[in-house]
Protein backbone atom coordinates (compact mmCIF):
# COMPACT_ATOMS: atom_id res chain seq x y z
CA UNK A 1 98.56 46.83 146.40
CA UNK A 2 99.97 44.33 143.86
CA UNK A 3 103.72 43.99 143.86
CA UNK A 4 105.76 45.02 140.88
CA UNK A 5 107.04 42.13 138.77
CA UNK A 6 109.43 43.72 136.26
CA UNK A 7 112.20 46.21 137.12
CA UNK A 8 113.28 49.35 135.25
CA UNK A 9 115.75 48.56 132.49
CA UNK A 10 114.74 44.89 132.30
CA UNK A 11 114.46 43.51 128.77
CA UNK A 12 111.22 41.55 128.36
CA UNK A 13 108.72 40.60 125.67
CA UNK A 14 105.82 43.03 125.23
CA UNK A 15 102.63 42.42 123.29
CA UNK A 16 101.97 44.84 120.44
CA UNK A 17 98.55 46.42 121.19
CA UNK A 18 95.71 45.00 119.12
CA UNK A 19 97.58 41.85 118.08
CA UNK A 20 98.90 38.55 119.45
CA UNK A 21 102.49 39.41 118.52
CA UNK A 22 105.25 39.88 121.08
CA UNK A 23 108.37 42.01 120.56
CA UNK A 24 111.47 42.62 122.62
CA UNK A 25 111.03 45.75 124.77
CA UNK A 26 112.78 47.47 127.66
CA UNK A 27 110.91 48.55 130.79
CA UNK A 28 111.47 52.28 131.40
CA UNK A 29 109.07 53.06 134.27
CA UNK A 30 106.11 51.85 136.32
CA UNK A 31 103.05 53.78 137.50
CA UNK A 32 101.97 52.72 140.99
CA UNK A 33 98.54 54.28 140.52
CA UNK A 34 97.49 52.79 137.19
CA UNK A 35 99.76 49.72 137.52
CA UNK A 36 100.97 50.22 133.95
CA UNK A 37 104.48 49.61 132.66
CA UNK A 38 105.99 52.10 130.22
CA UNK A 39 108.06 50.09 127.76
CA UNK A 40 110.22 51.09 124.81
CA UNK A 41 110.36 49.12 121.60
CA UNK A 42 113.46 48.87 119.46
CA UNK A 43 112.13 51.48 117.01
CA UNK A 44 111.82 54.02 119.84
CA UNK A 45 108.06 53.71 120.33
CA UNK A 46 106.99 54.07 123.97
CA UNK A 47 103.71 52.50 125.09
CA UNK A 48 101.98 51.77 128.39
CA UNK A 49 101.22 48.07 128.85
CA UNK A 50 99.53 46.04 131.53
CA UNK A 51 101.45 43.33 133.33
CA UNK A 52 99.40 40.68 131.49
CA UNK A 53 100.80 42.05 128.22
CA UNK A 54 104.40 41.49 129.34
CA UNK A 55 106.22 38.17 129.58
CA UNK A 56 109.75 37.26 130.47
CA UNK A 57 112.11 36.22 127.73
CA UNK A 58 112.52 32.79 129.30
CA UNK A 59 108.91 31.96 128.47
CA UNK A 60 109.75 32.24 124.78
CA UNK A 61 111.94 29.16 124.36
CA UNK A 62 113.14 28.41 120.82
CA UNK A 63 111.91 25.21 119.26
CA UNK A 64 113.92 22.76 117.22
CA UNK A 65 111.72 23.20 114.19
CA UNK A 66 112.28 26.96 114.00
CA UNK A 67 114.82 29.63 114.75
CA UNK A 68 114.35 32.23 117.46
CA UNK A 69 113.78 34.88 114.81
CA UNK A 70 110.96 33.09 113.02
CA UNK A 71 107.88 35.11 112.26
CA UNK A 72 104.74 34.89 114.39
CA UNK A 73 102.80 33.42 111.47
CA UNK A 74 105.38 30.64 111.08
CA UNK A 75 105.26 29.84 114.78
CA UNK A 76 101.48 29.68 114.80
CA UNK A 77 101.33 27.39 111.76
CA UNK A 78 103.14 24.49 113.46
CA UNK A 79 100.89 21.43 113.57
CA UNK A 80 99.60 20.03 116.81
CA UNK A 81 101.01 16.70 117.93
CA UNK A 82 97.65 15.55 119.26
CA UNK A 83 95.75 12.83 117.47
CA UNK A 84 93.25 13.93 114.83
CA UNK A 85 89.61 13.19 115.78
CA UNK A 86 89.17 11.25 112.55
CA UNK A 87 92.21 9.02 113.08
CA UNK A 88 91.37 5.54 114.51
CA UNK A 89 93.30 3.73 117.22
CA UNK A 90 95.60 0.83 116.34
CA UNK A 91 94.00 -2.54 115.97
CA UNK A 92 90.46 -1.12 115.55
CA UNK A 93 88.68 -2.18 112.36
CA UNK A 94 86.61 0.29 110.43
CA UNK A 95 83.60 -0.34 108.27
CA UNK A 96 83.30 1.07 104.75
CA UNK A 97 80.96 3.81 106.00
CA UNK A 98 83.47 4.77 108.67
CA UNK A 99 86.16 4.85 105.98
CA UNK A 100 84.11 7.24 103.89
CA UNK A 101 83.43 9.43 106.95
CA UNK A 102 87.14 9.44 107.68
CA UNK A 103 87.91 10.57 104.14
CA UNK A 104 85.30 13.34 104.38
CA UNK A 105 86.70 14.49 107.73
CA UNK A 106 90.21 14.43 106.35
CA UNK A 107 89.16 16.46 103.32
CA UNK A 108 87.41 18.97 105.57
CA UNK A 109 90.49 19.19 107.80
CA UNK A 110 92.70 19.94 104.79
CA UNK A 111 90.31 22.68 103.63
CA UNK A 112 90.25 24.22 107.10
CA UNK A 113 94.04 24.03 107.29
CA UNK A 114 94.44 25.85 103.96
CA UNK A 115 91.97 28.51 105.03
CA UNK A 116 93.72 28.98 108.36
CA UNK A 117 97.09 29.32 106.64
CA UNK A 118 95.64 31.97 104.33
CA UNK A 119 94.15 33.81 107.31
CA UNK A 120 97.49 33.71 109.13
CA UNK A 121 99.30 35.25 106.14
CA UNK A 122 96.75 38.03 105.80
CA UNK A 123 96.61 38.63 109.56
CA UNK A 124 100.37 38.93 109.82
CA UNK A 125 100.48 41.30 106.84
CA UNK A 126 98.05 43.62 108.57
CA UNK A 127 99.75 43.49 111.98
CA UNK A 128 103.41 43.78 111.15
CA UNK A 129 105.10 46.98 112.41
CA UNK A 130 105.79 49.54 109.68
CA UNK A 131 109.30 49.88 108.45
CA UNK A 132 111.09 53.12 108.94
CA UNK A 133 113.99 52.33 106.63
CA UNK A 134 112.49 53.80 103.47
CA UNK A 135 111.13 57.23 102.68
CA UNK A 136 107.92 56.62 100.76
CA UNK A 137 105.02 58.48 99.17
CA UNK A 138 101.30 58.44 99.76
CA UNK A 139 100.52 57.89 96.10
CA UNK A 140 99.49 54.21 96.17
CA UNK A 141 102.41 53.04 94.02
CA UNK A 142 104.65 50.18 95.23
CA UNK A 143 108.09 51.18 96.37
CA UNK A 144 109.74 48.09 94.89
CA UNK A 145 108.85 45.08 92.74
CA UNK A 146 108.92 42.85 95.82
CA UNK A 147 105.76 44.44 97.32
CA UNK A 148 102.38 42.83 96.72
CA UNK A 149 99.03 44.46 96.09
CA UNK A 150 98.78 45.49 99.75
CA UNK A 151 101.51 48.09 99.33
CA UNK A 152 98.91 50.81 98.93
CA UNK A 153 97.87 50.38 102.57
CA UNK A 154 99.05 53.29 104.65
CA UNK A 155 101.23 52.91 107.69
CA UNK A 156 98.31 53.68 109.95
CA UNK A 157 96.22 50.90 108.41
CA UNK A 158 99.04 48.39 108.87
CA UNK A 159 99.03 49.05 112.59
CA UNK A 160 95.33 48.28 113.00
CA UNK A 161 94.36 44.57 113.30
CA UNK A 162 91.55 43.45 111.03
CA UNK A 163 88.88 42.27 113.45
CA UNK A 164 87.08 40.06 110.93
CA UNK A 165 90.28 38.19 110.17
CA UNK A 166 90.92 37.78 113.88
CA UNK A 167 87.47 36.25 114.40
CA UNK A 168 88.03 33.84 111.54
CA UNK A 169 91.42 33.02 113.03
CA UNK A 170 89.73 32.05 116.30
CA UNK A 171 87.36 29.76 114.39
CA UNK A 172 89.97 28.03 112.25
CA UNK A 173 92.88 27.69 114.62
CA UNK A 174 95.71 25.20 114.21
CA UNK A 175 96.82 25.34 117.83
CA UNK A 176 96.31 22.38 120.11
CA UNK A 177 93.74 22.55 122.89
CA UNK A 178 96.49 23.00 125.44
CA UNK A 179 97.91 25.96 123.56
CA UNK A 180 94.43 27.44 123.14
CA UNK A 181 93.78 27.20 126.88
CA UNK A 182 97.10 28.90 127.59
CA UNK A 183 96.26 31.64 125.07
CA UNK A 184 92.89 32.28 126.73
CA UNK A 185 94.55 32.65 130.11
CA UNK A 186 97.09 35.18 128.81
CA UNK A 187 94.75 37.22 126.59
CA UNK A 188 91.58 37.23 128.67
CA UNK A 189 91.00 40.99 128.20
CA UNK A 190 87.80 41.99 126.53
CA UNK A 191 89.06 45.32 125.17
CA UNK A 192 91.41 45.64 122.20
CA UNK A 193 93.82 48.58 122.34
CA UNK A 194 94.86 50.36 119.17
CA UNK A 195 98.26 51.98 118.76
CA UNK A 196 97.02 55.53 118.42
CA UNK A 197 94.16 55.31 120.92
CA UNK A 198 95.51 53.38 123.88
CA UNK A 199 93.19 54.15 126.79
CA UNK A 200 95.14 54.54 129.96
CA UNK A 201 95.03 56.44 133.18
CA UNK A 202 97.00 59.65 132.56
CA UNK A 203 100.30 59.58 134.37
CA UNK A 204 101.55 62.48 136.42
CA UNK A 205 103.33 65.27 134.55
CA UNK A 206 107.02 64.87 135.32
CA UNK A 207 108.66 67.42 133.02
CA UNK A 208 107.44 70.75 134.40
CA UNK A 209 107.72 73.71 132.06
CA UNK A 210 107.84 77.47 132.65
CA UNK A 211 110.19 77.07 135.61
CA UNK A 212 108.01 74.58 137.48
CA UNK A 213 105.95 75.62 140.49
CA UNK A 214 108.00 78.74 141.26
CA UNK A 215 108.09 79.83 137.64
CA UNK A 216 104.36 79.46 137.07
CA UNK A 217 103.58 81.25 140.35
CA UNK A 218 105.75 84.14 139.19
CA UNK A 219 104.18 84.24 135.72
CA UNK A 220 100.68 84.58 137.16
CA UNK A 221 101.73 88.03 138.41
CA UNK A 222 104.42 88.84 135.86
CA UNK A 223 102.22 88.53 132.75
CA UNK A 224 99.55 91.06 133.87
CA UNK A 225 102.30 93.40 135.10
CA UNK A 226 103.98 93.21 131.67
CA UNK A 227 100.76 94.14 129.87
CA UNK A 228 100.15 97.15 132.12
CA UNK A 229 103.78 98.25 131.84
CA UNK A 230 103.65 98.22 128.02
CA UNK A 231 100.42 100.20 127.93
CA UNK A 232 101.70 102.77 130.43
CA UNK A 233 104.92 103.19 128.44
CA UNK A 234 103.00 103.81 125.20
CA UNK A 235 101.05 106.57 126.95
CA UNK A 236 104.24 108.49 127.76
CA UNK A 237 105.60 111.23 125.53
CA UNK A 238 109.00 109.55 125.66
CA UNK A 239 108.50 105.76 125.74
CA UNK A 240 112.22 104.94 125.89
CA UNK A 241 113.62 102.30 128.18
CA UNK A 242 115.59 104.97 130.05
CA UNK A 243 112.33 106.58 131.12
CA UNK A 244 111.52 103.88 133.68
CA UNK A 245 109.36 103.39 135.61
CA UNK A 246 106.37 105.11 134.00
CA UNK A 247 104.11 107.15 136.28
CA UNK A 248 101.58 104.88 137.93
CA UNK A 249 97.92 105.91 137.73
CA UNK A 250 95.64 106.00 140.75
CA UNK A 251 94.12 102.62 141.54
CA UNK A 252 90.56 103.96 141.42
CA UNK A 253 91.14 105.10 137.84
CA UNK A 254 91.86 101.54 136.69
CA UNK A 255 88.34 100.29 137.36
CA UNK A 256 85.01 101.37 136.01
CA UNK A 257 81.89 99.21 136.20
CA UNK A 258 80.61 100.47 132.85
CA UNK A 259 83.80 99.34 131.10
CA UNK A 260 83.54 95.91 132.69
CA UNK A 261 79.92 95.71 131.53
CA UNK A 262 80.96 96.54 127.94
CA UNK A 263 83.59 93.77 128.11
CA UNK A 264 81.02 91.23 129.36
CA UNK A 265 78.63 92.33 126.60
CA UNK A 266 81.36 91.73 124.01
CA UNK A 267 82.24 88.30 125.43
CA UNK A 268 78.67 87.02 125.53
CA UNK A 269 77.88 88.50 122.11
CA UNK A 270 80.68 86.39 120.65
CA UNK A 271 79.38 83.39 122.59
CA UNK A 272 75.97 83.94 120.99
CA UNK A 273 77.55 84.05 117.52
CA UNK A 274 79.42 80.84 118.35
CA UNK A 275 76.15 79.04 119.17
CA UNK A 276 74.44 79.98 115.92
CA UNK A 277 73.60 76.86 113.86
CA UNK A 278 75.54 78.01 110.81
CA UNK A 279 78.70 76.53 109.36
CA UNK A 280 79.78 72.91 109.10
CA UNK A 281 80.46 70.58 112.03
CA UNK A 282 83.79 68.73 111.94
CA UNK A 283 85.55 66.23 114.16
CA UNK A 284 88.78 66.99 115.97
CA UNK A 285 91.77 64.69 116.22
CA UNK A 286 91.35 61.48 118.29
CA UNK A 287 91.77 61.92 122.03
CA UNK A 288 93.69 59.49 124.24
CA UNK A 289 90.56 57.35 124.66
CA UNK A 290 89.84 57.28 120.92
CA UNK A 291 86.92 59.71 121.11
CA UNK A 292 86.63 62.61 118.67
CA UNK A 293 84.96 65.84 119.73
CA UNK A 294 82.78 67.79 117.34
CA UNK A 295 83.31 71.48 116.58
CA UNK A 296 81.17 73.94 114.65
CA UNK A 297 83.21 75.96 112.17
CA UNK A 298 81.50 79.35 111.96
CA UNK A 299 84.22 81.81 113.02
CA UNK A 300 84.21 83.65 109.70
CA UNK A 301 80.43 84.07 109.86
CA UNK A 302 80.83 85.46 113.39
CA UNK A 303 83.42 87.90 112.06
CA UNK A 304 80.99 89.13 109.39
CA UNK A 305 78.27 89.61 112.00
CA UNK A 306 80.74 91.44 114.25
CA UNK A 307 81.75 93.73 111.38
CA UNK A 308 78.07 94.46 110.71
CA UNK A 309 77.49 95.28 114.39
CA UNK A 310 80.49 97.63 114.52
CA UNK A 311 79.43 99.25 111.26
CA UNK A 312 75.96 99.85 112.71
CA UNK A 313 77.47 101.55 115.77
CA UNK A 314 79.57 103.82 113.56
CA UNK A 315 76.54 104.63 111.42
CA UNK A 316 74.72 105.84 114.50
CA UNK A 317 77.84 107.88 115.40
CA UNK A 318 78.96 105.82 118.35
CA UNK A 319 82.35 107.08 119.50
CA UNK A 320 84.49 103.97 118.97
CA UNK A 321 87.61 105.77 120.19
CA UNK A 322 86.02 105.27 123.62
CA UNK A 323 88.20 102.13 123.62
CA UNK A 324 91.32 104.29 123.37
CA UNK A 325 90.23 106.63 126.13
CA UNK A 326 89.58 103.70 128.51
CA UNK A 327 92.15 101.28 127.15
CA UNK A 328 93.81 100.60 130.49
CA UNK A 329 90.46 99.99 132.17
CA UNK A 330 89.47 97.50 129.46
CA UNK A 331 92.76 95.66 130.02
CA UNK A 332 92.09 95.48 133.77
CA UNK A 333 88.54 94.22 133.16
CA UNK A 334 89.81 91.51 130.79
CA UNK A 335 92.49 90.46 133.31
CA UNK A 336 89.96 90.18 136.16
CA UNK A 337 87.59 88.20 133.98
CA UNK A 338 90.35 85.82 132.82
CA UNK A 339 91.40 85.21 136.42
CA UNK A 340 87.82 84.40 137.43
CA UNK A 341 87.45 82.10 134.42
CA UNK A 342 90.72 80.33 135.32
CA UNK A 343 89.53 79.70 138.89
CA UNK A 344 86.28 78.26 137.57
CA UNK A 345 88.15 76.04 135.11
CA UNK A 346 90.42 74.61 137.79
CA UNK A 347 87.57 73.92 140.25
CA UNK A 348 85.52 72.10 137.63
CA UNK A 349 88.59 70.15 136.46
CA UNK A 350 88.87 68.49 139.87
CA UNK A 351 85.72 66.52 139.05
CA UNK A 352 86.66 65.81 135.42
CA UNK A 353 87.06 62.16 134.34
CA UNK A 354 90.62 60.90 134.26
CA UNK A 355 90.63 60.47 130.48
CA UNK A 356 89.82 64.18 130.06
CA UNK A 357 92.82 65.43 132.03
CA UNK A 358 95.44 67.32 129.99
CA UNK A 359 98.77 65.48 129.73
CA UNK A 360 100.71 68.67 130.41
CA UNK A 361 98.67 69.87 133.39
CA UNK A 362 98.54 66.83 135.65
CA UNK A 363 101.50 67.44 137.95
CA UNK A 364 99.56 67.26 141.21
CA UNK A 365 100.72 70.78 142.17
CA UNK A 366 97.86 73.26 142.46
CA UNK A 367 99.66 76.34 141.13
CA UNK A 368 101.25 74.56 138.19
CA UNK A 369 98.04 72.80 137.11
CA UNK A 370 96.08 76.04 137.59
CA UNK A 371 98.49 77.81 135.25
CA UNK A 372 98.97 75.10 132.61
CA UNK A 373 95.37 73.88 132.64
CA UNK A 374 94.20 70.67 134.32
CA UNK A 375 91.33 69.75 131.99
CA UNK A 376 92.01 69.30 128.29
CA UNK A 377 88.63 70.19 126.74
CA UNK A 378 86.29 71.81 129.29
CA UNK A 379 82.78 72.00 127.89
CA UNK A 380 79.41 73.24 129.06
CA UNK A 381 77.17 70.97 127.05
CA UNK A 382 78.42 71.33 123.50
CA UNK A 383 80.01 74.73 124.22
CA UNK A 384 83.79 74.21 124.13
CA UNK A 385 85.33 76.93 126.30
CA UNK A 386 88.91 76.56 125.11
CA UNK A 387 88.05 76.41 121.43
CA UNK A 388 85.75 79.44 121.77
CA UNK A 389 88.34 81.60 123.52
CA UNK A 390 91.08 80.55 121.12
CA UNK A 391 89.71 82.50 118.14
CA UNK A 392 86.63 84.53 119.05
CA UNK A 393 86.63 87.29 121.72
CA UNK A 394 90.37 88.03 121.78
CA UNK A 395 91.21 87.70 118.09
CA UNK A 396 88.21 89.70 116.88
CA UNK A 397 88.71 92.15 119.73
CA UNK A 398 92.21 92.77 118.38
CA UNK A 399 90.73 93.97 115.06
CA UNK A 400 88.15 96.19 116.78
CA UNK A 401 90.86 97.75 118.99
CA UNK A 402 93.02 98.49 115.92
CA UNK A 403 90.08 100.19 114.25
CA UNK A 404 89.44 102.24 117.42
CA UNK A 405 93.11 103.34 117.40
CA UNK A 406 92.82 104.41 113.76
CA UNK A 407 89.78 106.57 114.54
CA UNK A 408 91.46 107.94 117.68
CA UNK A 409 94.54 108.98 115.63
CA UNK A 410 92.35 110.85 113.16
CA UNK A 411 90.48 112.65 115.95
CA UNK A 412 93.48 113.56 118.11
CA UNK A 413 95.62 114.81 115.22
CA UNK A 414 92.71 116.36 113.26
CA UNK A 415 93.34 114.22 110.19
CA UNK A 416 90.83 113.55 107.46
CA UNK A 417 92.64 110.32 106.61
CA UNK A 418 94.62 107.90 108.76
CA UNK A 419 98.39 107.85 108.40
CA UNK A 420 100.05 105.41 106.01
CA UNK A 421 101.74 103.69 108.95
CA UNK A 422 98.40 103.12 110.71
CA UNK A 423 96.83 101.80 107.50
CA UNK A 424 99.66 99.27 107.05
CA UNK A 425 99.43 98.02 110.63
CA UNK A 426 95.65 97.66 110.44
CA UNK A 427 95.77 95.95 107.04
CA UNK A 428 98.52 93.47 107.91
CA UNK A 429 96.94 92.41 111.17
CA UNK A 430 93.43 92.28 109.67
CA UNK A 431 94.75 89.86 107.05
CA UNK A 432 96.22 87.68 109.79
CA UNK A 433 92.93 87.53 111.73
CA UNK A 434 90.78 86.90 108.66
CA UNK A 435 93.13 84.12 107.59
CA UNK A 436 92.86 82.46 111.00
CA UNK A 437 89.05 82.60 110.92
CA UNK A 438 88.83 81.47 107.29
CA UNK A 439 91.07 78.50 108.09
CA UNK A 440 89.45 77.93 111.48
CA UNK A 441 89.46 74.15 111.09
CA UNK A 442 93.27 74.14 111.07
CA UNK A 443 93.40 75.21 114.73
CA UNK A 444 92.07 71.78 115.69
CA UNK A 445 95.49 70.25 114.93
CA UNK A 446 97.50 72.72 117.04
CA UNK A 447 99.08 71.89 120.40
CA UNK A 448 96.76 74.37 122.13
CA UNK A 449 93.79 72.15 121.28
CA UNK A 450 95.33 68.66 121.21
CA UNK A 451 97.80 68.83 124.13
CA UNK A 452 97.53 71.90 126.38
CA UNK A 453 94.86 72.15 129.05
CA UNK A 454 92.69 75.22 129.44
CA UNK A 455 93.98 77.15 132.44
CA UNK A 456 95.33 80.59 133.28
CA UNK A 457 98.01 80.46 130.58
CA UNK A 458 95.55 80.14 127.68
CA UNK A 459 92.70 82.09 129.30
CA UNK A 460 94.90 85.13 129.99
CA UNK A 461 96.68 84.75 126.67
CA UNK A 462 93.46 84.60 124.63
CA UNK A 463 91.50 87.31 126.44
CA UNK A 464 94.21 89.76 127.54
CA UNK A 465 97.56 89.19 125.87
CA UNK A 466 96.29 88.82 122.28
CA UNK A 467 93.98 91.86 122.07
CA UNK A 468 96.02 94.26 124.24
CA UNK A 469 99.62 93.32 123.37
CA UNK A 470 99.17 92.38 119.73
CA UNK A 471 97.57 95.80 119.13
CA UNK A 472 100.62 97.53 120.65
CA UNK A 473 101.81 99.01 117.32
CA UNK A 474 98.46 100.69 116.63
CA UNK A 475 98.27 101.99 120.21
CA UNK A 476 101.82 103.34 119.91
CA UNK A 477 101.11 105.18 116.64
CA UNK A 478 98.24 107.16 118.18
CA UNK A 479 100.57 109.01 120.55
CA UNK A 480 103.72 108.78 118.40
CA UNK A 481 102.81 109.24 114.72
CA UNK A 482 105.45 108.11 112.25
CA UNK A 483 105.57 109.23 108.62
CA UNK A 484 106.89 106.77 106.02
CA UNK A 485 107.27 107.13 102.25
CA UNK A 486 105.47 105.07 99.65
CA UNK A 487 108.61 103.14 98.56
CA UNK A 488 109.26 102.17 102.19
CA UNK A 489 105.61 101.16 102.56
CA UNK A 490 105.88 99.01 99.41
CA UNK A 491 109.00 97.26 100.73
CA UNK A 492 107.31 96.56 104.09
CA UNK A 493 104.24 95.24 102.26
CA UNK A 494 106.39 92.83 100.21
CA UNK A 495 108.07 91.61 103.41
CA UNK A 496 104.68 90.94 105.01
CA UNK A 497 103.47 89.09 101.91
CA UNK A 498 106.56 86.85 101.95
CA UNK A 499 105.99 86.00 105.61
CA UNK A 500 102.30 85.37 105.06
CA UNK A 501 102.97 83.10 102.06
CA UNK A 502 105.41 80.96 104.07
CA UNK A 503 103.05 80.86 107.04
CA UNK A 504 99.92 79.94 105.07
CA UNK A 505 101.43 77.45 102.61
CA UNK A 506 103.35 75.62 105.38
CA UNK A 507 100.26 75.33 107.59
CA UNK A 508 98.14 74.19 104.64
CA UNK A 509 100.63 71.44 103.77
CA UNK A 510 100.70 70.19 107.35
CA UNK A 511 96.95 70.32 107.96
CA UNK A 512 96.01 68.71 104.63
CA UNK A 513 98.56 65.96 105.18
CA UNK A 514 97.26 65.23 108.68
CA UNK A 515 93.65 65.18 107.54
CA UNK A 516 94.07 63.08 104.38
CA UNK A 517 97.61 61.82 103.68
CA UNK A 518 96.37 59.81 100.68
CA UNK A 519 95.11 62.91 98.88
CA UNK A 520 96.40 62.79 95.26
CA UNK A 521 97.17 66.50 95.49
CA UNK A 522 99.83 65.68 98.11
CA UNK A 523 101.47 62.91 96.07
CA UNK A 524 104.56 65.07 95.58
CA UNK A 525 105.23 65.15 99.32
CA UNK A 526 107.67 62.63 100.77
CA UNK A 527 107.59 61.54 104.37
CA UNK A 528 109.24 59.33 106.96
CA UNK A 529 106.74 56.78 108.34
CA UNK A 530 106.51 56.37 112.11
CA UNK A 531 105.29 53.63 114.43
CA UNK A 532 102.21 55.74 115.28
CA UNK A 533 100.95 55.53 111.70
CA UNK A 534 101.68 59.19 110.99
CA UNK A 535 104.30 60.51 108.61
CA UNK A 536 106.94 63.23 109.06
CA UNK A 537 107.14 65.44 105.98
CA UNK A 538 110.63 65.87 104.51
CA UNK A 539 109.69 67.80 101.37
CA UNK A 540 107.96 71.11 100.81
CA UNK A 541 108.34 73.76 103.50
CA UNK A 542 108.70 71.08 106.19
CA UNK A 543 111.80 69.79 104.44
CA UNK A 544 113.28 73.30 104.47
CA UNK A 545 113.11 73.90 108.24
CA UNK A 546 111.31 71.96 110.98
CA UNK A 547 108.91 74.80 111.81
CA UNK A 548 108.38 76.94 108.69
CA UNK A 549 105.11 78.32 110.10
CA UNK A 550 107.11 79.91 112.93
CA UNK A 551 109.48 81.44 110.38
CA UNK A 552 106.53 83.04 108.57
CA UNK A 553 105.14 84.31 111.89
CA UNK A 554 108.40 86.08 112.78
CA UNK A 555 108.70 87.72 109.33
CA UNK A 556 105.13 89.05 109.60
CA UNK A 557 105.74 90.33 113.14
CA UNK A 558 108.72 92.33 111.85
CA UNK A 559 106.59 93.80 109.05
CA UNK A 560 103.97 94.89 111.61
CA UNK A 561 106.58 96.79 113.64
CA UNK A 562 108.54 98.52 110.88
CA UNK A 563 105.81 101.15 110.16
CA UNK A 564 106.45 102.49 113.69
CA UNK A 565 109.98 103.61 112.76
CA UNK A 566 113.14 103.22 114.80
CA UNK A 567 112.84 105.96 117.41
CA UNK A 568 112.02 103.50 120.21
CA UNK A 569 112.33 99.78 120.77
CA UNK A 570 108.88 99.53 122.36
CA UNK A 571 106.99 98.71 119.11
CA UNK A 572 109.46 95.88 118.51
CA UNK A 573 108.61 94.22 121.79
CA UNK A 574 106.19 92.06 119.88
CA UNK A 575 108.97 90.80 117.60
CA UNK A 576 111.25 90.02 120.55
CA UNK A 577 108.42 88.34 122.44
CA UNK A 578 107.37 86.38 119.37
CA UNK A 579 110.88 85.04 118.79
CA UNK A 580 111.18 83.98 122.45
CA UNK A 581 107.71 82.43 122.40
CA UNK A 582 108.29 80.44 119.23
CA UNK A 583 111.72 79.25 120.34
CA UNK A 584 110.11 78.03 123.57
CA UNK A 585 107.27 76.34 121.70
CA UNK A 586 109.75 74.83 119.30
CA UNK A 587 111.60 73.27 122.24
CA UNK A 588 108.28 71.87 123.52
CA UNK A 589 107.53 70.47 120.07
CA UNK A 590 110.97 68.86 119.87
CA UNK A 591 110.53 67.15 123.24
CA UNK A 592 106.99 66.03 122.46
CA UNK A 593 107.86 64.69 118.99
CA UNK A 594 110.94 62.86 120.24
CA UNK A 595 108.84 60.99 122.79
CA UNK A 596 106.08 60.32 120.30
CA UNK A 597 108.02 59.30 117.19
CA UNK A 598 111.27 57.90 118.65
CA UNK A 599 113.88 56.94 116.07
CA UNK A 600 111.78 58.34 113.22
CA UNK A 601 112.12 61.82 114.73
CA UNK A 602 115.90 61.41 114.97
CA UNK A 603 115.99 60.51 111.28
CA UNK A 604 113.84 63.55 110.50
CA UNK A 605 116.18 65.85 112.45
CA UNK A 606 119.13 64.50 110.49
CA UNK A 607 117.26 65.10 107.25
CA UNK A 608 116.10 68.62 108.28
CA UNK A 609 118.82 70.08 110.56
CA UNK A 610 117.50 73.66 110.89
CA UNK A 611 114.67 74.38 113.33
CA UNK A 612 113.24 77.82 112.51
CA UNK A 613 115.84 79.94 110.73
CA UNK A 614 117.56 78.33 107.70
CA UNK A 615 121.35 78.06 108.05
CA UNK A 616 121.17 79.70 111.50
CA UNK A 617 118.96 77.83 113.98
């Protein structure tokens, strides 16, 4: 095992990936497995470098002809002291033909020198680190009269070295042969690393979430118990907190093979719709190794096909309220299936390549990685398991369950029309699901897809928690009907529309900016550039609070619960849960963004002080 050369906290010179430039960095940690040093630049950027990319400060001795702060292009343009090939030795006579050859060689040398100087200027312009001192726009206009025509280049482009210029630089170099030999020894790597796509062996997860190993072990049992508790409470005549615990049903009544078969039929029907060759194919965000996965966007088409299938069942008088009568059994079937899927996902992740391991699920602890998800994007061929479960069976199942509750209410209470409260709940939540499927491409930029692995947390959340907890208001109204007036219904509708507008417009701004920051339609948005090439929005909704999409989510959740009245707190569990969930996710986002963007994130937090709730939090 090679010995470690640089210690933690030592200030050294680190090479900026993809260039020949060195900057002053501080060593923060060392990975004994990958033999990579984690270093921190002065702007807060943290990168993993090999030992060959790091040099001690003593090796950078200042020269008399330049100051220690001279630019890399100025250092490289210093002339070699070695004798020119066309220059004759003293005392040697030259013929007229030799004199002409010397003049031609000298002229050629001058031309090559001018070309090399031009290449150095261009190369340095492309490889200099972006400044974070100015808030700029993506509109292509120069920020000051001092900028040249290259000011329209985005921050991300500035971080990427131009490979053609680098090849020309190698051909027309002004370094002496000795310096060239030294350069070849230091930079003998064949692979060029880019700032955003540095390929490295994933390090072990150090910051464990959800209470670490004990917390995740508890949640594996606590989450299913919470779902069953909520459903049992809604079944009671008096679902108050004082009426605890609810009567437990017999264990044999919680399982029925026919119900499990219906659940499997639903799951594989959605998988079939997912595989249909309809809809466009788009690329996701770059992974840690620079690769981009492809995804077929056809969720809305699948929803239309699902609606047609359900409509056909109703036409042939299929009793859809069968879901209500066996609701607890469906929840048990979904929980068993999600547990089996989670076990399969963890077993297959043990053989996954290192570059496909999720950064948040690589702790080395079985229970924690099983819960958080060890593999980032598990796929069977082109079938992406995580992406499929994120929007298809659970989200569409939520809509079908709500419809079943509406029909069950009409049948149980002998109504010719559903209650106004039930109509509001179904309409609000249907809008939310349709919006998610219509804007399916936007999910590719969420943390669930880009950062979190696919394990028990997401499998149980997508297949059990979403359809059976998110439909809690509709399930509650079947056994506890609540009458509301039209003015109250109008006020609740306005509240939901406000929340939806904030949620949709904020997400659209973020997703459009991430996809194409140079879009002229986004010219009004200002941002803080970062060392990663991305920008942090400081105008629009993202200049109002740091997570406006979470604010819209919470307002909509309140509007979904208000039609249930105020007799019990049970329908508002979703609001309480949603606030806790989003506050937790906000804390994860803060930690992740601080590590990723460094000082730029600190500037953004100073510019936008409120996290979710304006003037409160």
